């Protein structure tokens, strides 16, 4: 029996306030990859779809629209605060066919063969036990059901994370704590061969892993949005968490300066790269 992902549950519950406050900023880097994964599901009205690591629920609401009328989107997240926010968003938007549950995808009973499709936008990299998680997700899909997700490629292909992180390191003189190889973290699935092996061992077939490189274009006037996002999540946030009162503002200013140095024609262009994955149960 799979062991619950308790460490990640605690981590994301603690991070939830900052993550939710940064929601509009995260969309500028994650939205297009999520749409690409969602498109690969080929959803139809009346189907039932699972959203893994639903966060504040924006992707679940989009999925709910794709399976309406008659279908249902179920968003699950390991952090209760995320599920509360997602439920509130659904109510405010008047979306009746989206429901949300606090659940750990690697250990929860998701009900066998109860979903036509499963989706995740940058949630599957945080499994403590990926084989157990993907096996559990496959079991929740009906025969022939589709899994599609987006996960980050390597750090150096993602300048939107690397540039702020390097700026923070220039102040602190050291790297912030980073997950080890295979440990839960944003780059735990940055190897396409590992993705394919995990899915095949979990019982998936027709596996396709497609690299999707993009360029994020940020107008000079919106650079502060990326400064705020970097300060709330990721390596810069970790550096700020342990910095003293004198060092913290220097870190933020270094991030801002690093981004401003890259301004050309009144905008900053930063690489972003992910894998968009599809497989069938």
Protein backbone atom coordinates (compact mmCIF):
# COMPACT_ATOMS: atom_id res chain seq x y z
CA UNK A 1 0.00 0.00 0.00
CA UNK A 2 1.35 3.44 -0.91
CA UNK A 3 2.49 5.72 1.89
CA UNK A 4 0.87 9.15 2.11
CA UNK A 5 2.95 12.07 0.87
CA UNK A 6 2.90 13.80 4.25
CA UNK A 7 5.97 16.01 3.79
CA UNK A 8 4.57 17.56 0.62
CA UNK A 9 1.20 18.01 2.28
CA UNK A 10 2.82 20.09 5.02
CA UNK A 11 5.01 21.97 2.52
CA UNK A 12 2.15 23.00 0.23
CA UNK A 13 -0.19 23.90 3.07
CA UNK A 14 2.47 26.26 4.42
CA UNK A 15 3.16 27.64 0.94
CA UNK A 16 -0.51 28.02 0.02
CA UNK A 17 -1.00 31.67 1.13
CA UNK A 18 1.97 32.89 -0.92
CA UNK A 19 1.04 30.67 -3.86
CA UNK A 20 -2.55 31.85 -3.92
CA UNK A 21 -1.45 35.48 -3.65
CA UNK A 22 0.78 34.93 -6.70
CA UNK A 23 -1.87 33.22 -8.83
CA UNK A 24 -2.09 35.93 -11.49
CA UNK A 25 1.71 35.94 -11.80
CA UNK A 26 2.05 32.15 -12.14
CA UNK A 27 -0.43 32.13 -15.02
CA UNK A 28 1.95 34.11 -17.21
CA UNK A 29 4.45 31.25 -17.20
CA UNK A 30 2.28 28.14 -16.81
CA UNK A 31 -0.95 28.79 -18.72
CA UNK A 32 0.20 27.88 -22.24
CA UNK A 33 1.73 24.58 -21.13
CA UNK A 34 -1.45 23.68 -19.27
CA UNK A 35 -3.57 24.43 -22.32
CA UNK A 36 -1.33 22.22 -24.46
CA UNK A 37 -1.77 19.30 -22.06
CA UNK A 38 -5.50 19.92 -21.81
CA UNK A 39 -5.84 19.89 -25.60
CA UNK A 40 -4.28 16.43 -25.70
CA UNK A 41 -7.11 14.99 -23.62
CA UNK A 42 -9.66 15.49 -26.45
CA UNK A 43 -12.40 15.87 -23.86
CA UNK A 44 -16.08 15.57 -24.76
CA UNK A 45 -19.34 16.54 -23.10
CA UNK A 46 -20.47 14.05 -20.48
CA UNK A 47 -17.03 12.81 -19.49
CA UNK A 48 -15.54 12.72 -16.00
CA UNK A 49 -12.03 14.18 -15.59
CA UNK A 50 -9.61 14.30 -12.65
CA UNK A 51 -7.37 17.35 -12.06
CA UNK A 52 -4.31 16.37 -9.99
CA UNK A 53 -2.77 19.13 -7.89
CA UNK A 54 -5.59 21.49 -8.77
CA UNK A 55 -4.31 24.41 -6.68
CA UNK A 56 -6.78 27.27 -6.72
CA UNK A 57 -8.97 25.47 -9.24
CA UNK A 58 -8.52 27.48 -12.43
CA UNK A 59 -7.60 24.42 -14.48
CA UNK A 60 -10.45 22.40 -12.95
CA UNK A 61 -12.95 25.08 -13.96
CA UNK A 62 -11.57 25.03 -17.51
CA UNK A 63 -11.88 21.23 -17.61
CA UNK A 64 -15.44 21.49 -16.29
CA UNK A 65 -16.32 23.70 -19.23
CA UNK A 66 -14.91 21.17 -21.68
CA UNK A 67 -17.01 18.27 -20.34
CA UNK A 68 -20.26 20.25 -20.00
CA UNK A 69 -23.07 19.51 -20.28
CA UNK A 70 -23.41 16.30 -18.32
CA UNK A 71 -19.76 15.87 -17.35
CA UNK A 72 -17.83 16.50 -14.15
CA UNK A 73 -14.37 17.79 -13.27
CA UNK A 74 -12.94 16.70 -9.91
CA UNK A 75 -10.00 18.68 -8.59
CA UNK A 76 -7.80 17.15 -5.92
CA UNK A 77 -4.98 18.77 -3.98
CA UNK A 78 -2.82 17.70 -1.10
CA UNK A 79 -3.20 21.07 0.66
CA UNK A 80 -6.55 21.86 2.34
CA UNK A 81 -6.04 25.62 1.85
CA UNK A 82 -5.83 25.11 -1.91
CA UNK A 83 -9.04 23.09 -1.94
CA UNK A 84 -10.83 25.75 0.09
CA UNK A 85 -9.73 28.44 -2.37
CA UNK A 86 -10.72 26.29 -5.36
CA UNK A 87 -14.16 25.61 -3.92
CA UNK A 88 -14.70 29.33 -3.34
CA UNK A 89 -13.62 30.11 -6.92
CA UNK A 90 -16.07 27.58 -8.35
CA UNK A 91 -18.92 29.05 -6.30
CA UNK A 92 -18.03 32.58 -7.32
CA UNK A 93 -17.90 31.56 -10.98
CA UNK A 94 -21.18 29.66 -10.74
CA UNK A 95 -19.61 26.42 -12.01
CA UNK A 96 -21.75 23.58 -10.71
CA UNK A 97 -19.98 20.63 -12.36
CA UNK A 98 -16.62 21.12 -10.62
CA UNK A 99 -15.98 19.56 -7.23
CA UNK A 100 -12.86 19.61 -5.05
CA UNK A 101 -11.37 17.18 -2.57
CA UNK A 102 -8.35 17.10 -0.30
CA UNK A 103 -6.60 13.99 -1.57
CA UNK A 104 -3.11 12.59 -2.06
CA UNK A 105 -2.89 11.17 -5.59
CA UNK A 106 -0.28 8.61 -4.61
CA UNK A 107 -2.26 7.06 -1.74
CA UNK A 108 -5.93 8.11 -1.88
CA UNK A 109 -8.73 5.83 -3.02
CA UNK A 110 -9.68 7.51 -6.30
CA UNK A 111 -12.26 4.82 -7.16
CA UNK A 112 -11.25 2.28 -9.78
CA UNK A 113 -12.16 3.00 -13.41
CA UNK A 114 -14.18 6.08 -12.45
CA UNK A 115 -12.60 8.71 -14.74
CA UNK A 116 -12.38 9.10 -18.49
CA UNK A 117 -9.33 11.34 -18.24
CA UNK A 118 -6.76 12.69 -15.79
CA UNK A 119 -4.86 15.97 -16.06
CA UNK A 120 -2.17 17.87 -14.21
CA UNK A 121 -0.48 21.21 -14.75
CA UNK A 122 2.85 21.07 -12.94
CA UNK A 123 1.58 18.91 -10.09
CA UNK A 124 3.00 15.46 -10.82
CA UNK A 125 6.63 16.45 -10.09
CA UNK A 126 5.89 16.52 -6.35
CA UNK A 127 5.10 12.85 -5.80
CA UNK A 128 7.30 11.29 -3.10
CA UNK A 129 6.56 7.88 -4.65
CA UNK A 130 6.00 8.41 -8.40
CA UNK A 131 5.51 4.70 -9.22
CA UNK A 132 2.74 4.42 -6.63
CA UNK A 133 1.15 7.69 -7.73
CA UNK A 134 1.05 6.91 -11.44
CA UNK A 135 -0.19 3.38 -10.74
CA UNK A 136 -2.98 4.81 -8.60
CA UNK A 137 -3.91 7.33 -11.30
CA UNK A 138 -3.99 4.64 -13.99
CA UNK A 139 -6.26 2.50 -11.81
CA UNK A 140 -8.67 5.43 -11.51
CA UNK A 141 -8.99 5.67 -15.30
CA UNK A 142 -11.40 3.62 -17.33
CA UNK A 143 -9.79 1.26 -19.88
CA UNK A 144 -8.53 3.44 -22.71
CA UNK A 145 -8.75 6.60 -20.59
CA UNK A 146 -6.23 9.37 -21.16
CA UNK A 147 -3.66 10.97 -18.89
CA UNK A 148 -2.12 14.27 -19.95
CA UNK A 149 0.15 16.54 -17.95
CA UNK A 150 2.79 19.25 -18.15
CA UNK A 151 6.02 19.08 -16.17
CA UNK A 152 9.07 21.33 -16.22
CA UNK A 153 12.15 20.51 -18.26
CA UNK A 154 15.57 21.21 -16.74
CA UNK A 155 16.40 24.38 -14.82
CA UNK A 156 18.79 25.81 -17.40
CA UNK A 157 16.08 25.72 -20.07
CA UNK A 158 13.87 27.80 -17.78
CA UNK A 159 15.46 31.22 -17.55
CA UNK A 160 12.37 32.60 -15.84
CA UNK A 161 13.47 30.54 -12.80
CA UNK A 162 17.22 30.39 -13.39
CA UNK A 163 17.88 34.13 -13.77
CA UNK A 164 16.19 35.17 -10.49
CA UNK A 165 17.75 32.19 -8.69
CA UNK A 166 21.24 33.09 -9.90
CA UNK A 167 20.68 36.70 -8.82
CA UNK A 168 19.75 35.56 -5.32
CA UNK A 169 22.84 33.36 -5.18
CA UNK A 170 25.02 36.32 -6.14
CA UNK A 171 23.95 37.94 -2.87
CA UNK A 172 23.92 34.93 -0.54
CA UNK A 173 26.98 33.23 -2.04
CA UNK A 174 25.34 29.82 -1.89
CA UNK A 175 22.57 27.79 -3.44
CA UNK A 176 19.30 27.49 -1.50
CA UNK A 177 18.35 23.96 -0.36
CA UNK A 178 17.48 21.91 -3.44
CA UNK A 179 15.76 18.51 -3.74
CA UNK A 180 18.09 15.62 -4.51
CA UNK A 181 17.79 13.51 -7.69
CA UNK A 182 14.39 11.85 -7.82
CA UNK A 183 13.08 13.74 -4.79
CA UNK A 184 9.86 15.79 -5.07
CA UNK A 185 10.53 19.14 -6.68
CA UNK A 186 9.91 21.18 -9.82
CA UNK A 187 12.56 19.29 -11.84
CA UNK A 188 12.02 15.73 -10.63
CA UNK A 189 10.62 14.76 -14.05
CA UNK A 190 13.08 16.64 -16.25
CA UNK A 191 14.23 13.42 -17.96
CA UNK A 192 11.86 12.23 -20.73
CA UNK A 193 13.22 8.69 -20.50
CA UNK A 194 12.35 8.56 -16.80
CA UNK A 195 8.85 9.84 -17.52
CA UNK A 196 8.29 7.11 -20.10
CA UNK A 197 9.66 4.40 -17.81
CA UNK A 198 7.50 5.49 -14.88
CA UNK A 199 4.36 5.53 -17.00
CA UNK A 200 5.09 2.22 -18.68
CA UNK A 201 5.76 0.53 -15.33
CA UNK A 202 2.48 1.96 -14.03
CA UNK A 203 0.61 0.24 -16.87
CA UNK A 204 0.19 3.09 -19.35
CA UNK A 205 0.55 2.59 -23.09
CA UNK A 206 0.83 4.83 -26.18
CA UNK A 207 3.12 7.16 -24.22
CA UNK A 208 4.14 10.39 -25.91
CA UNK A 209 6.51 12.90 -24.31
CA UNK A 210 6.77 16.13 -26.31
CA UNK A 211 9.24 18.90 -25.50
CA UNK A 212 7.65 22.34 -25.60
CA UNK A 213 10.10 25.26 -25.50
CA UNK A 214 8.65 28.74 -25.28
CA UNK A 215 9.70 32.32 -24.72
CA UNK A 216 8.01 34.36 -22.04
CA UNK A 217 7.77 38.01 -23.07
CA UNK A 218 7.38 40.42 -20.18
CA UNK A 219 6.86 44.13 -20.86
CA UNK A 220 9.20 46.32 -18.86
CA UNK A 221 6.23 47.71 -16.96
CA UNK A 222 5.36 44.20 -15.72
CA UNK A 223 8.81 43.11 -14.56
CA UNK A 224 7.73 43.66 -10.98
CA UNK A 225 5.22 40.83 -11.42
CA UNK A 226 8.08 38.37 -11.96
CA UNK A 227 10.00 39.87 -9.05
CA UNK A 228 6.96 39.27 -6.83
CA UNK A 229 6.46 35.73 -8.12
CA UNK A 230 10.13 34.86 -7.62
CA UNK A 231 10.01 36.25 -4.09
CA UNK A 232 7.08 34.06 -3.14
CA UNK A 233 7.92 30.68 -4.69
CA UNK A 234 11.02 28.79 -5.76
CA UNK A 235 14.72 29.34 -5.10
CA UNK A 236 14.45 33.07 -4.38
CA UNK A 237 11.68 32.47 -1.87
CA UNK A 238 13.86 29.86 -0.15
CA UNK A 239 16.77 32.31 -0.01
CA UNK A 240 14.50 34.99 1.46
CA UNK A 241 13.11 32.59 4.03
CA UNK A 242 16.53 32.18 5.67
CA UNK A 243 17.91 35.67 4.98
CA UNK A 244 18.35 38.23 7.73
CA UNK A 245 16.70 41.66 7.68
CA UNK A 246 19.66 43.28 5.95
CA UNK A 247 20.12 40.62 3.28
CA UNK A 248 16.50 40.11 2.20
CA UNK A 249 16.07 43.49 0.45
CA UNK A 250 19.43 43.00 -1.27
CA UNK A 251 18.20 39.70 -2.69
CA UNK A 252 15.01 41.28 -4.04
CA UNK A 253 16.95 44.17 -5.55
CA UNK A 254 19.42 41.77 -7.18
CA UNK A 255 16.54 39.88 -8.80
CA UNK A 256 15.01 43.13 -10.06
CA UNK A 257 18.38 44.32 -11.41
CA UNK A 258 19.05 41.00 -13.17
CA UNK A 259 15.74 41.22 -14.99
CA UNK A 260 16.18 44.89 -15.89
CA UNK A 261 19.60 44.10 -17.36
CA UNK A 262 17.87 41.87 -19.90
CA UNK A 263 15.46 44.52 -21.17
CA UNK A 264 15.58 44.97 -24.94
CA UNK A 265 13.04 46.99 -26.90
CA UNK A 266 11.20 47.67 -23.65
CA UNK A 267 10.61 44.01 -22.83
CA UNK A 268 12.32 41.00 -21.22
CA UNK A 269 12.39 37.68 -23.04
CA UNK A 270 13.06 34.57 -20.95
CA UNK A 271 13.02 30.93 -21.94
CA UNK A 272 10.54 28.47 -20.47
CA UNK A 273 10.50 24.76 -21.29
CA UNK A 274 8.29 21.87 -20.30
CA UNK A 275 7.31 18.39 -21.39
CA UNK A 276 3.72 17.84 -22.44
CA UNK A 277 2.89 14.19 -21.88
CA UNK A 278 0.00 11.98 -23.01
CA UNK A 279 -0.60 8.31 -22.27
CA UNK A 280 -3.50 5.86 -22.24
CA UNK A 281 -4.67 3.44 -19.57
